[in-house]
Amino acid sequence: VSRRVSKLLKEAGLRVAVIRHPMPYGDLRRQIWQRFETFEDMDKHECTIEEREEYEPHIKVGNIVYAGVDYEVILRKAEEEADVILWDGGNNDFPFIKPDLLITVVDPMRPGHELASYPGEINVRMADVIVINKVDTAPPENVEIVRKNVEEANPDAVIVEAASPVTVDDPSLIRGKRVLVVEDGPSVTHGGLPYGAGYIAAKKYGAKEIVDPRPYAVGSLRKVFEEYKHMANVLPAMGYGEQQIRELEATINAVDCDTIVAGTPIELKRIMEISKPEAHVKYELEERGKPTLKDIIDDFISKHIRE
């Protein structure tokens, strides 16, 4: 959704700076403010896999991302080179900066979370726009539960329905093959999902078998599987530090499979050596019906920028 919004703003001729919520995993004294424009910037700042999963998709489409720990400084730096600030908060917080337009995304794969989690419920109640995503893959009854919940919690919000269809760069790497699915770590661990885009792609493109990674898990990844028993046959892309990244690398290379299906937003081969072919999964937002996000952003621009 953030990539879609940034694209619409840039197509309108506006300069956009993305500010991400804090992910303070390293030396905070060196993270007062950070600016990410290239893949090398992530190396320079010694980013964890979770940080890379958030920054890399933006960098790929030409967005500049700011992050760190002092958000007064971060905001002032971002304002120097942008017409619009796009706060990309993930699921972990509400904006530190008072928004002129608040868009909240809800997930019908996890019906009820929109009212049962903090700060998810706050974001639903404060939202100007609520995007119900994944309407193409979630059970229809789940979509209706989520719609009913958000309409009752925030009857004034505009609702946009959208899909996030998955594609892969080379389907032949999956069809008829035994595959290991590597998913976005936070989504399938504390996020509570049993699987993500990688698993959906493996099914969609006709994998012969989705191999269970549990027997091959190395080091701390064994504890991850013990703690999060809800996961399907997927490997979460855990990497909170160099040692865990190496454990993930060893686990991936140990699994007896033909192909790695990477549902994580990052390209794993940028940070580790992988001995098997990798099919990278992509997904982009597609609105269904009216209004669209373009309608929303056009109205925002007319009210707040080109009055």
C-alpha atoms as a PDB file:
ATOM      1  CA  VAL A   1       0.000   0.000   0.000  1.00  0.00           C
ATOM      2  CA  SER A   2       2.824   2.411   0.854  1.00  0.00           C
ATOM      3  CA  ARG A   3       4.521   1.709  -2.479  1.00  0.00           C
ATOM      4  CA  ARG A   4       1.229   2.299  -4.291  1.00  0.00           C
ATOM      5  CA  VAL A   5       0.658   5.607  -2.478  1.00  0.00           C
ATOM      6  CA  SER A   6       4.216   6.790  -3.130  1.00  0.00           C
ATOM      7  CA  LYS A   7       3.830   5.924  -6.834  1.00  0.00           C
ATOM      8  CA  LEU A   8       0.616   7.952  -7.088  1.00  0.00           C
ATOM      9  CA  LEU A   9       2.198  10.939  -5.352  1.00  0.00           C
ATOM     10  CA  LYS A  10       5.266  10.834  -7.607  1.00  0.00           C
ATOM     11  CA  GLU A  11       3.101  10.513 -10.720  1.00  0.00           C
ATOM     12  CA  ALA A  12       1.468  13.776  -9.593  1.00  0.00           C
ATOM     13  CA  GLY A  13       4.891  15.426  -9.689  1.00  0.00           C
ATOM     14  CA  LEU A  14       5.521  15.453  -5.946  1.00  0.00           C
ATOM     15  CA  ARG A  15       8.730  14.601  -4.113  1.00  0.00           C
ATOM     16  CA  VAL A  16       8.172  11.881  -1.494  1.00  0.00           C
ATOM     17  CA  ALA A  17      10.209  10.881   1.542  1.00  0.00           C
ATOM     18  CA  VAL A  18       9.267   7.706   3.409  1.00  0.00           C
ATOM     19  CA  ILE A  19       9.712   7.595   7.185  1.00  0.00           C
ATOM     20  CA  ARG A  20       9.666   4.154   8.792  1.00  0.00           C
ATOM     21  CA  HIS A  21       8.827   3.420  12.393  1.00  0.00           C
ATOM     22  CA  PRO A  22      11.855   2.656  14.604  1.00  0.00           C
ATOM     23  CA  MET A  23      13.463  -0.781  14.595  1.00  0.00           C
ATOM     24  CA  PRO A  24      16.242  -0.231  17.161  1.00  0.00           C
ATOM     25  CA  TYR A  25      18.278  -3.423  16.959  1.00  0.00           C
ATOM     26  CA  GLY A  26      21.820  -2.028  16.876  1.00  0.00           C
ATOM     27  CA  ASP A  27      23.838   0.709  18.573  1.00  0.00           C
ATOM     28  CA  LEU A  28      21.268   3.463  19.098  1.00  0.00           C
ATOM     29  CA  ARG A  29      23.970   6.115  19.440  1.00  0.00           C
ATOM     30  CA  ARG A  30      24.798   5.512  15.760  1.00  0.00           C
ATOM     31  CA  GLN A  31      21.128   5.525  14.706  1.00  0.00           C
ATOM     32  CA  ILE A  32      19.984   9.050  15.575  1.00  0.00           C
ATOM     33  CA  TRP A  33      18.866   9.408  11.967  1.00  0.00           C
ATOM     34  CA  GLN A  34      19.428   7.174   8.961  1.00  0.00           C
ATOM     35  CA  ARG A  35      18.854   7.710   5.259  1.00  0.00           C
ATOM     36  CA  PHE A  36      18.469   4.809   2.819  1.00  0.00           C
ATOM     37  CA  GLU A  37      18.644   5.406  -0.925  1.00  0.00           C
ATOM     38  CA  THR A  38      20.763   2.446  -2.119  1.00  0.00           C
ATOM     39  CA  PHE A  39      21.300  -1.183  -1.168  1.00  0.00           C
ATOM     40  CA  GLU A  40      24.770  -0.168   0.017  1.00  0.00           C
ATOM     41  CA  ASP A  41      23.161   2.130   2.598  1.00  0.00           C
ATOM     42  CA  MET A  42      21.629  -0.945   4.245  1.00  0.00           C
ATOM     43  CA  ASP A  43      25.061  -2.549   4.423  1.00  0.00           C
ATOM     44  CA  LYS A  44      26.562   0.652   5.852  1.00  0.00           C
ATOM     45  CA  HIS A  45      23.994   0.742   8.635  1.00  0.00           C
ATOM     46  CA  GLU A  46      24.342  -3.022   9.307  1.00  0.00           C
ATOM     47  CA  CYS A  47      20.619  -3.641   8.857  1.00  0.00           C
ATOM     48  CA  THR A  48      18.935  -6.767  10.176  1.00  0.00           C
ATOM     49  CA  ILE A  49      16.828  -8.876   7.814  1.00  0.00           C
ATOM     50  CA  GLU A  50      13.653  -7.377   9.308  1.00  0.00           C
ATOM     51  CA  GLU A  51      14.905  -3.866   8.519  1.00  0.00           C
ATOM     52  CA  ARG A  52      15.879  -4.916   4.996  1.00  0.00           C
ATOM     53  CA  GLU A  53      12.407  -6.402   4.468  1.00  0.00           C
ATOM     54  CA  GLU A  54      10.963  -2.950   5.136  1.00  0.00           C
ATOM     55  CA  TYR A  55      13.505  -0.774   3.287  1.00  0.00           C
ATOM     56  CA  GLU A  56      14.419  -2.837   0.209  1.00  0.00           C
ATOM     57  CA  PRO A  57      11.009  -2.724  -1.538  1.00  0.00           C
ATOM     58  CA  HIS A  58      11.041   1.072  -1.272  1.00  0.00           C
ATOM     59  CA  ILE A  59      14.613   1.360  -2.523  1.00  0.00           C
ATOM     60  CA  LYS A  60      13.798  -0.862  -5.523  1.00  0.00           C
ATOM     61  CA  VAL A  61      11.160   1.615  -6.708  1.00  0.00           C
ATOM     62  CA  GLY A  62      13.343   4.668  -6.108  1.00  0.00           C
ATOM     63  CA  ASN A  63      11.984   5.827  -2.748  1.00  0.00           C
ATOM     64  CA  ILE A  64      14.236   7.439  -0.146  1.00  0.00           C
ATOM     65  CA  VAL A  65      13.631   6.016   3.339  1.00  0.00           C
ATOM     66  CA  TYR A  66      14.400   7.688   6.648  1.00  0.00           C
ATOM     67  CA  ALA A  67      14.567   5.862   9.969  1.00  0.00           C
ATOM     68  CA  GLY A  68      16.408   5.967  13.304  1.00  0.00           C
ATOM     69  CA  VAL A  69      15.522   6.908  16.866  1.00  0.00           C
ATOM     70  CA  ASP A  70      15.184  10.736  17.042  1.00  0.00           C
ATOM     71  CA  TYR A  71      12.067  11.507  15.043  1.00  0.00           C
ATOM     72  CA  GLU A  72      12.309  15.268  15.404  1.00  0.00           C
ATOM     73  CA  VAL A  73      15.673  15.162  13.631  1.00  0.00           C
ATOM     74  CA  ILE A  74      14.422  12.546  11.123  1.00  0.00           C
ATOM     75  CA  LEU A  75      11.374  14.646  10.213  1.00  0.00           C
ATOM     76  CA  ARG A  76      13.445  17.807   9.659  1.00  0.00           C
ATOM     77  CA  LYS A  77      15.922  15.926   7.452  1.00  0.00           C
ATOM     78  CA  ALA A  78      13.114  14.374   5.390  1.00  0.00           C
ATOM     79  CA  GLU A  79      11.356  17.715   4.968  1.00  0.00           C
ATOM     80  CA  GLU A  80      14.475  19.151   3.329  1.00  0.00           C
ATOM     81  CA  GLU A  81      14.009  16.977   0.235  1.00  0.00           C
ATOM     82  CA  ALA A  82      10.286  16.193   0.067  1.00  0.00           C
ATOM     83  CA  ASP A  83       6.929  17.774  -0.661  1.00  0.00           C
ATOM     84  CA  VAL A  84       5.060  14.958   1.095  1.00  0.00           C
ATOM     85  CA  ILE A  85       6.069  12.801   4.066  1.00  0.00           C
ATOM     86  CA  LEU A  86       4.819   9.203   3.860  1.00  0.00           C
ATOM     87  CA  TRP A  87       4.825   7.544   7.278  1.00  0.00           C
ATOM     88  CA  ASP A  88       5.128   3.784   6.731  1.00  0.00           C
ATOM     89  CA  GLY A  89       4.360   2.316  10.122  1.00  0.00           C
ATOM     90  CA  GLY A  90       3.909  -1.361   9.406  1.00  0.00           C
ATOM     91  CA  ASN A  91       1.738  -2.985  12.061  1.00  0.00           C
ATOM     92  CA  ASN A  92       3.735  -1.844  15.051  1.00  0.00           C
ATOM     93  CA  ASP A  93       2.590   1.680  15.850  1.00  0.00           C
ATOM     94  CA  PHE A  94       0.531   4.696  14.990  1.00  0.00           C
ATOM     95  CA  PRO A  95       2.163   7.742  13.357  1.00  0.00           C
ATOM     96  CA  PHE A  96       4.530   9.828  15.461  1.00  0.00           C
ATOM     97  CA  ILE A  97       3.686  12.726  13.124  1.00  0.00           C
ATOM     98  CA  LYS A  98       0.114  14.064  12.960  1.00  0.00           C
ATOM     99  CA  PRO A  99      -1.171  12.971   9.535  1.00  0.00           C
ATOM    100  CA  ASP A 100      -3.337  14.917   7.124  1.00  0.00           C
ATOM    101  CA  LEU A 101      -4.501  11.564   5.740  1.00  0.00           C
ATOM    102  CA  LEU A 102      -4.384   8.304   7.707  1.00  0.00           C
ATOM    103  CA  ILE A 103      -4.698   5.050   5.739  1.00  0.00           C
ATOM    104  CA  THR A 104      -4.994   1.830   7.755  1.00  0.00           C
ATOM    105  CA  VAL A 105      -4.634  -1.611   6.145  1.00  0.00           C
ATOM    106  CA  VAL A 106      -6.577  -4.549   7.594  1.00  0.00           C
ATOM    107  CA  ASP A 107      -5.974  -8.216   6.844  1.00  0.00           C
ATOM    108  CA  PRO A 108      -8.905 -10.637   6.355  1.00  0.00           C
ATOM    109  CA  MET A 109      -6.477 -13.532   6.723  1.00  0.00           C
ATOM    110  CA  ARG A 110      -6.507 -12.526  10.400  1.00  0.00           C
ATOM    111  CA  PRO A 111     -10.133 -11.484  11.051  1.00  0.00           C
ATOM    112  CA  GLY A 112     -10.619  -9.867  14.435  1.00  0.00           C
ATOM    113  CA  HIS A 113      -7.052  -8.599  14.711  1.00  0.00           C
ATOM    114  CA  GLU A 114      -8.266  -5.187  13.568  1.00  0.00           C
ATOM    115  CA  LEU A 115     -10.054  -4.770  16.927  1.00  0.00           C
ATOM    116  CA  ALA A 116      -8.123  -7.159  19.157  1.00  0.00           C
ATOM    117  CA  SER A 117      -4.568  -5.821  18.840  1.00  0.00           C
ATOM    118  CA  TYR A 118      -2.702  -2.773  20.050  1.00  0.00           C
ATOM    119  CA  PRO A 119      -2.210  -0.436  18.278  1.00  0.00           C
ATOM    120  CA  GLY A 120      -4.185  -1.947  15.404  1.00  0.00           C
ATOM    121  CA  GLU A 121      -7.520  -0.941  16.900  1.00  0.00           C
ATOM    122  CA  ILE A 122      -6.294   2.642  17.401  1.00  0.00           C
ATOM    123  CA  ASN A 123      -5.315   2.859  13.745  1.00  0.00           C
ATOM    124  CA  VAL A 124      -8.712   1.530  12.656  1.00  0.00           C
ATOM    125  CA  ARG A 125     -10.591   4.022  14.822  1.00  0.00           C
ATOM    126  CA  MET A 126      -8.445   6.994  13.721  1.00  0.00           C
ATOM    127  CA  ALA A 127      -8.337   6.115  10.007  1.00  0.00           C
ATOM    128  CA  ASP A 128      -9.639   8.337   7.254  1.00  0.00           C
ATOM    129  CA  VAL A 129      -9.314   5.412   4.823  1.00  0.00           C
ATOM    130  CA  ILE A 130      -9.334   1.671   5.548  1.00  0.00           C
ATOM    131  CA  VAL A 131      -7.933  -0.724   2.951  1.00  0.00           C
ATOM    132  CA  ILE A 132      -9.247  -4.288   3.193  1.00  0.00           C
ATOM    133  CA  ASN A 133      -6.456  -6.172   1.461  1.00  0.00           C
ATOM    134  CA  LYS A 134      -6.152  -9.752   0.155  1.00  0.00           C
ATOM    135  CA  VAL A 135      -9.805  -9.996  -0.901  1.00  0.00           C
ATOM    136  CA  ASP A 136      -8.652 -12.336  -3.674  1.00  0.00           C
ATOM    137  CA  THR A 137      -7.130 -14.943  -1.348  1.00  0.00           C
ATOM    138  CA  ALA A 138      -8.964 -14.588   1.993  1.00  0.00           C
ATOM    139  CA  PRO A 139     -12.178 -16.559   2.588  1.00  0.00           C
ATOM    140  CA  PRO A 140     -15.178 -14.351   1.663  1.00  0.00           C
ATOM    141  CA  GLU A 141     -16.664 -14.788   5.136  1.00  0.00           C
ATOM    142  CA  ASN A 142     -13.461 -13.341   6.633  1.00  0.00           C
ATOM    143  CA  VAL A 143     -13.705 -10.289   4.377  1.00  0.00           C
ATOM    144  CA  GLU A 144     -17.268  -9.736   5.596  1.00  0.00           C
ATOM    145  CA  ILE A 145     -16.248 -10.092   9.261  1.00  0.00           C
ATOM    146  CA  VAL A 146     -13.500  -7.512   8.826  1.00  0.00           C
ATOM    147  CA  ARG A 147     -15.767  -5.144   6.893  1.00  0.00           C
ATOM    148  CA  LYS A 148     -18.461  -5.359   9.611  1.00  0.00           C
ATOM    149  CA  ASN A 149     -15.900  -4.748  12.361  1.00  0.00           C
ATOM    150  CA  VAL A 150     -14.348  -1.684  10.746  1.00  0.00           C
ATOM    151  CA  GLU A 151     -17.716  -0.196   9.776  1.00  0.00           C
ATOM    152  CA  GLU A 152     -18.906  -0.499  13.377  1.00  0.00           C
ATOM    153  CA  ALA A 153     -15.647   0.854  14.844  1.00  0.00           C
ATOM    154  CA  ASN A 154     -15.259   3.722  12.366  1.00  0.00           C
ATOM    155  CA  PRO A 155     -18.406   4.398  10.331  1.00  0.00           C
ATOM    156  CA  ASP A 156     -16.917   7.579   8.828  1.00  0.00           C
ATOM    157  CA  ALA A 157     -13.911   5.891   7.223  1.00  0.00           C
ATOM    158  CA  VAL A 158     -13.779   5.383   3.462  1.00  0.00           C
ATOM    159  CA  ILE A 159     -13.309   1.673   2.653  1.00  0.00           C
ATOM    160  CA  VAL A 160     -11.151   0.493  -0.248  1.00  0.00           C
ATOM    161  CA  GLU A 161     -11.061  -3.192  -1.199  1.00  0.00           C
ATOM    162  CA  ALA A 162      -7.896  -4.536  -2.779  1.00  0.00           C
ATOM    163  CA  ALA A 163      -6.050  -7.666  -3.807  1.00  0.00           C
ATOM    164  CA  SER A 164      -2.345  -8.466  -3.705  1.00  0.00           C
ATOM    165  CA  PRO A 165      -1.919 -11.128  -6.404  1.00  0.00           C
ATOM    166  CA  VAL A 166       1.420 -12.938  -6.255  1.00  0.00           C
ATOM    167  CA  THR A 167       3.718 -13.492  -9.207  1.00  0.00           C
ATOM    168  CA  VAL A 168       7.199 -14.951  -9.552  1.00  0.00           C
ATOM    169  CA  ASP A 169      10.058 -14.032 -11.845  1.00  0.00           C
ATOM    170  CA  ASP A 170      10.451 -17.604 -13.180  1.00  0.00           C
ATOM    171  CA  PRO A 171       7.516 -20.033 -12.663  1.00  0.00           C
ATOM    172  CA  SER A 172       9.517 -22.913 -14.207  1.00  0.00           C
ATOM    173  CA  LEU A 173      11.646 -22.973 -11.050  1.00  0.00           C
ATOM    174  CA  ILE A 174       8.527 -24.005  -9.079  1.00  0.00           C
ATOM    175  CA  ARG A 175       6.362 -26.131 -11.374  1.00  0.00           C
ATOM    176  CA  GLY A 176       6.826 -29.814 -10.565  1.00  0.00           C
ATOM    177  CA  LYS A 177       9.687 -29.081  -8.147  1.00  0.00           C
ATOM    178  CA  ARG A 178      10.317 -29.779  -4.475  1.00  0.00           C
ATOM    179  CA  VAL A 179      10.589 -26.318  -2.951  1.00  0.00           C
ATOM    180  CA  LEU A 180      11.597 -24.623   0.286  1.00  0.00           C
ATOM    181  CA  VAL A 181       9.425 -21.602   1.064  1.00  0.00           C
ATOM    182  CA  VAL A 182      11.140 -18.748   2.922  1.00  0.00           C
ATOM    183  CA  GLU A 183       8.634 -16.225   4.265  1.00  0.00           C
ATOM    184  CA  ASP A 184       8.709 -12.725   5.759  1.00  0.00           C
ATOM    185  CA  GLY A 185       9.808 -13.414   9.334  1.00  0.00           C
ATOM    186  CA  PRO A 186       7.546 -11.157  11.443  1.00  0.00           C
ATOM    187  CA  SER A 187       4.386 -12.107   9.506  1.00  0.00           C
ATOM    188  CA  VAL A 188       4.605 -15.839  10.253  1.00  0.00           C
ATOM    189  CA  THR A 189       6.114 -15.587  13.748  1.00  0.00           C
ATOM    190  CA  HIS A 190       4.607 -12.983  16.087  1.00  0.00           C
ATOM    191  CA  GLY A 191       2.294 -11.836  13.251  1.00  0.00           C
ATOM    192  CA  GLY A 192       0.385 -15.106  13.625  1.00  0.00           C
ATOM    193  CA  LEU A 193       0.053 -16.098   9.952  1.00  0.00           C
ATOM    194  CA  PRO A 194       0.638 -19.779   9.142  1.00  0.00           C
ATOM    195  CA  TYR A 195       2.148 -18.824   5.769  1.00  0.00           C
ATOM    196  CA  GLY A 196       2.605 -15.880   3.431  1.00  0.00           C
ATOM    197  CA  ALA A 197       3.126 -14.952  -0.212  1.00  0.00           C
ATOM    198  CA  GLY A 198       5.791 -17.609  -0.805  1.00  0.00           C
ATOM    199  CA  TYR A 199       3.503 -20.495   0.177  1.00  0.00           C
ATOM    200  CA  ILE A 200       0.666 -19.064  -1.938  1.00  0.00           C
ATOM    201  CA  ALA A 201       3.035 -18.789  -4.929  1.00  0.00           C
ATOM    202  CA  ALA A 202       4.295 -22.355  -4.459  1.00  0.00           C
ATOM    203  CA  LYS A 203       0.709 -23.631  -4.591  1.00  0.00           C
ATOM    204  CA  LYS A 204      -0.293 -21.323  -7.451  1.00  0.00           C
ATOM    205  CA  TYR A 205       2.604 -22.349  -9.680  1.00  0.00           C
ATOM    206  CA  GLY A 206       2.316 -26.093  -9.075  1.00  0.00           C
ATOM    207  CA  ALA A 207       5.124 -27.107  -6.733  1.00  0.00           C
ATOM    208  CA  LYS A 208       5.397 -30.887  -6.436  1.00  0.00           C
ATOM    209  CA  GLU A 209       6.110 -30.638  -2.705  1.00  0.00           C
ATOM    210  CA  ILE A 210       6.593 -27.884  -0.123  1.00  0.00           C
ATOM    211  CA  VAL A 211       9.407 -29.329   1.988  1.00  0.00           C
ATOM    212  CA  ASP A 212       9.170 -29.090   5.783  1.00  0.00           C
ATOM    213  CA  PRO A 213      12.259 -27.135   6.944  1.00  0.00           C
ATOM    214  CA  ARG A 214      12.003 -28.156  10.608  1.00  0.00           C
ATOM    215  CA  PRO A 215      14.352 -31.190  10.454  1.00  0.00           C
ATOM    216  CA  TYR A 216      17.047 -28.990   8.909  1.00  0.00           C
ATOM    217  CA  ALA A 217      16.803 -26.013  11.290  1.00  0.00           C
ATOM    218  CA  VAL A 218      20.107 -24.776  12.708  1.00  0.00           C
ATOM    219  CA  GLY A 219      20.785 -22.981  15.994  1.00  0.00           C
ATOM    220  CA  SER A 220      18.220 -20.398  17.120  1.00  0.00           C
ATOM    221  CA  LEU A 221      15.847 -21.352  14.299  1.00  0.00           C
ATOM    222  CA  ARG A 222      15.049 -24.568  16.165  1.00  0.00           C
ATOM    223  CA  LYS A 223      13.703 -22.443  19.033  1.00  0.00           C
ATOM    224  CA  VAL A 224      11.681 -20.341  16.587  1.00  0.00           C
ATOM    225  CA  PHE A 225       9.851 -23.471  15.374  1.00  0.00           C
ATOM    226  CA  GLU A 226       9.289 -24.603  18.964  1.00  0.00           C
ATOM    227  CA  GLU A 227       7.785 -21.240  19.907  1.00  0.00           C
ATOM    228  CA  TYR A 228       5.631 -20.673  16.807  1.00  0.00           C
ATOM    229  CA  LYS A 229       3.957 -24.026  16.243  1.00  0.00           C
ATOM    230  CA  HIS A 230       1.190 -22.521  14.095  1.00  0.00           C
ATOM    231  CA  MET A 231       3.465 -22.150  11.053  1.00  0.00           C
ATOM    232  CA  ALA A 232       2.930 -24.295   7.969  1.00  0.00           C
ATOM    233  CA  ASN A 233       5.903 -25.857   6.151  1.00  0.00           C
ATOM    234  CA  VAL A 234       7.672 -22.509   5.782  1.00  0.00           C
ATOM    235  CA  LEU A 235      10.964 -21.061   6.994  1.00  0.00           C
ATOM    236  CA  PRO A 236      10.772 -17.562   8.518  1.00  0.00           C
ATOM    237  CA  ALA A 237      13.543 -15.252   7.307  1.00  0.00           C
ATOM    238  CA  MET A 238      14.971 -14.590  10.751  1.00  0.00           C
ATOM    239  CA  GLY A 239      18.093 -12.472  10.897  1.00  0.00           C
ATOM    240  CA  TYR A 240      18.462 -10.312  14.011  1.00  0.00           C
ATOM    241  CA  GLY A 241      22.213 -10.143  13.798  1.00  0.00           C
ATOM    242  CA  GLU A 242      25.062 -11.749  11.886  1.00  0.00           C
ATOM    243  CA  GLN A 243      24.952 -15.088  13.739  1.00  0.00           C
ATOM    244  CA  GLN A 244      21.260 -15.647  13.042  1.00  0.00           C
ATOM    245  CA  ILE A 245      21.734 -14.688   9.385  1.00  0.00           C
ATOM    246  CA  ARG A 246      24.432 -17.362   9.121  1.00  0.00           C
ATOM    247  CA  GLU A 247      22.092 -19.871  10.823  1.00  0.00           C
ATOM    248  CA  LEU A 248      19.400 -19.038   8.296  1.00  0.00           C
ATOM    249  CA  GLU A 249      21.911 -19.480   5.479  1.00  0.00           C
ATOM    250  CA  ALA A 250      23.000 -22.871   6.841  1.00  0.00           C
ATOM    251  CA  THR A 251      19.386 -24.006   7.236  1.00  0.00           C
ATOM    252  CA  ILE A 252      18.438 -22.998   3.682  1.00  0.00           C
ATOM    253  CA  ASN A 253      21.428 -24.791   2.190  1.00  0.00           C
ATOM    254  CA  ALA A 254      20.796 -27.918   4.268  1.00  0.00           C
ATOM    255  CA  VAL A 255      17.199 -28.436   3.105  1.00  0.00           C
ATOM    256  CA  ASP A 256      16.795 -31.206   0.516  1.00  0.00           C
ATOM    257  CA  CYS A 257      14.924 -29.344  -2.232  1.00  0.00           C
ATOM    258  CA  ASP A 258      15.198 -28.161  -5.838  1.00  0.00           C
ATOM    259  CA  THR A 259      14.292 -24.488  -5.467  1.00  0.00           C
ATOM    260  CA  ILE A 260      14.032 -21.721  -2.873  1.00  0.00           C
ATOM    261  CA  VAL A 261      10.745 -19.802  -3.111  1.00  0.00           C
ATOM    262  CA  ALA A 262      11.475 -16.447  -1.478  1.00  0.00           C
ATOM    263  CA  GLY A 263       8.311 -14.869  -0.100  1.00  0.00           C
ATOM    264  CA  THR A 264      10.406 -12.448   1.941  1.00  0.00           C
ATOM    265  CA  PRO A 265      10.582  -8.993   0.295  1.00  0.00           C
ATOM    266  CA  ILE A 266      14.393  -9.055   0.213  1.00  0.00           C
ATOM    267  CA  GLU A 267      16.697 -10.799  -2.231  1.00  0.00           C
ATOM    268  CA  LEU A 268      18.400 -13.334   0.001  1.00  0.00           C
ATOM    269  CA  LYS A 269      21.405 -13.681  -2.283  1.00  0.00           C
ATOM    270  CA  ARG A 270      22.374 -10.095  -1.469  1.00  0.00           C
ATOM    271  CA  ILE A 271      23.308 -11.140   2.070  1.00  0.00           C
ATOM    272  CA  MET A 272      24.151 -14.861   1.895  1.00  0.00           C
ATOM    273  CA  GLU A 273      25.425 -17.636  -0.352  1.00  0.00           C
ATOM    274  CA  ILE A 274      22.625 -19.958  -1.485  1.00  0.00           C
ATOM    275  CA  SER A 275      23.409 -23.155  -3.352  1.00  0.00           C
ATOM    276  CA  LYS A 276      20.011 -23.571  -5.038  1.00  0.00           C
ATOM    277  CA  PRO A 277      17.992 -21.547  -7.584  1.00  0.00           C
ATOM    278  CA  GLU A 278      15.778 -18.859  -6.081  1.00  0.00           C
ATOM    279  CA  ALA A 279      12.314 -17.899  -7.332  1.00  0.00           C
ATOM    280  CA  HIS A 280      11.478 -14.452  -5.999  1.00  0.00           C
ATOM    281  CA  VAL A 281       7.832 -13.686  -5.205  1.00  0.00           C
ATOM    282  CA  LYS A 282       6.360 -10.271  -5.928  1.00  0.00           C
ATOM    283  CA  TYR A 283       3.024  -8.747  -5.076  1.00  0.00           C
ATOM    284  CA  GLU A 284       1.500  -5.381  -5.913  1.00  0.00           C
ATOM    285  CA  LEU A 285      -1.729  -3.808  -4.743  1.00  0.00           C
ATOM    286  CA  GLU A 286      -4.738  -3.934  -7.076  1.00  0.00           C
ATOM    287  CA  GLU A 287      -7.837  -2.068  -5.971  1.00  0.00           C
ATOM    288  CA  ARG A 288     -11.178  -3.724  -6.616  1.00  0.00           C
ATOM    289  CA  GLY A 289     -14.047  -1.391  -7.377  1.00  0.00           C
ATOM    290  CA  LYS A 290     -14.454   2.207  -6.226  1.00  0.00           C
ATOM    291  CA  PRO A 291     -13.076   4.273  -4.675  1.00  0.00           C
ATOM    292  CA  THR A 292      -9.474   3.542  -5.614  1.00  0.00           C
ATOM    293  CA  LEU A 293      -6.389   4.841  -3.877  1.00  0.00           C
ATOM    294  CA  LYS A 294      -5.887   7.141  -6.857  1.00  0.00           C
ATOM    295  CA  ASP A 295      -9.257   8.712  -6.079  1.00  0.00           C
ATOM    296  CA  ILE A 296      -8.187   9.131  -2.453  1.00  0.00           C
ATOM    297  CA  ILE A 297      -4.772  10.606  -3.272  1.00  0.00           C
ATOM    298  CA  ASP A 298      -6.145  12.961  -5.950  1.00  0.00           C
ATOM    299  CA  ASP A 299      -8.577  14.327  -3.358  1.00  0.00           C
ATOM    300  CA  PHE A 300      -5.766  14.634  -0.778  1.00  0.00           C
ATOM    301  CA  ILE A 301      -3.589  16.582  -3.228  1.00  0.00           C
ATOM    302  CA  SER A 302      -6.403  18.971  -4.137  1.00  0.00           C
ATOM    303  CA  LYS A 303      -7.214  19.671  -0.470  1.00  0.00           C
ATOM    304  CA  HIS A 304      -3.744  19.902   1.064  1.00  0.00           C
ATOM    305  CA  ILE A 305      -1.241  20.732  -1.660  1.00  0.00           C
ATOM    306  CA  ARG A 306      -2.920  22.428  -4.609  1.00  0.00           C
ATOM    307  CA  GLU A 307      -5.707  24.310  -2.923  1.00  0.00           C
END
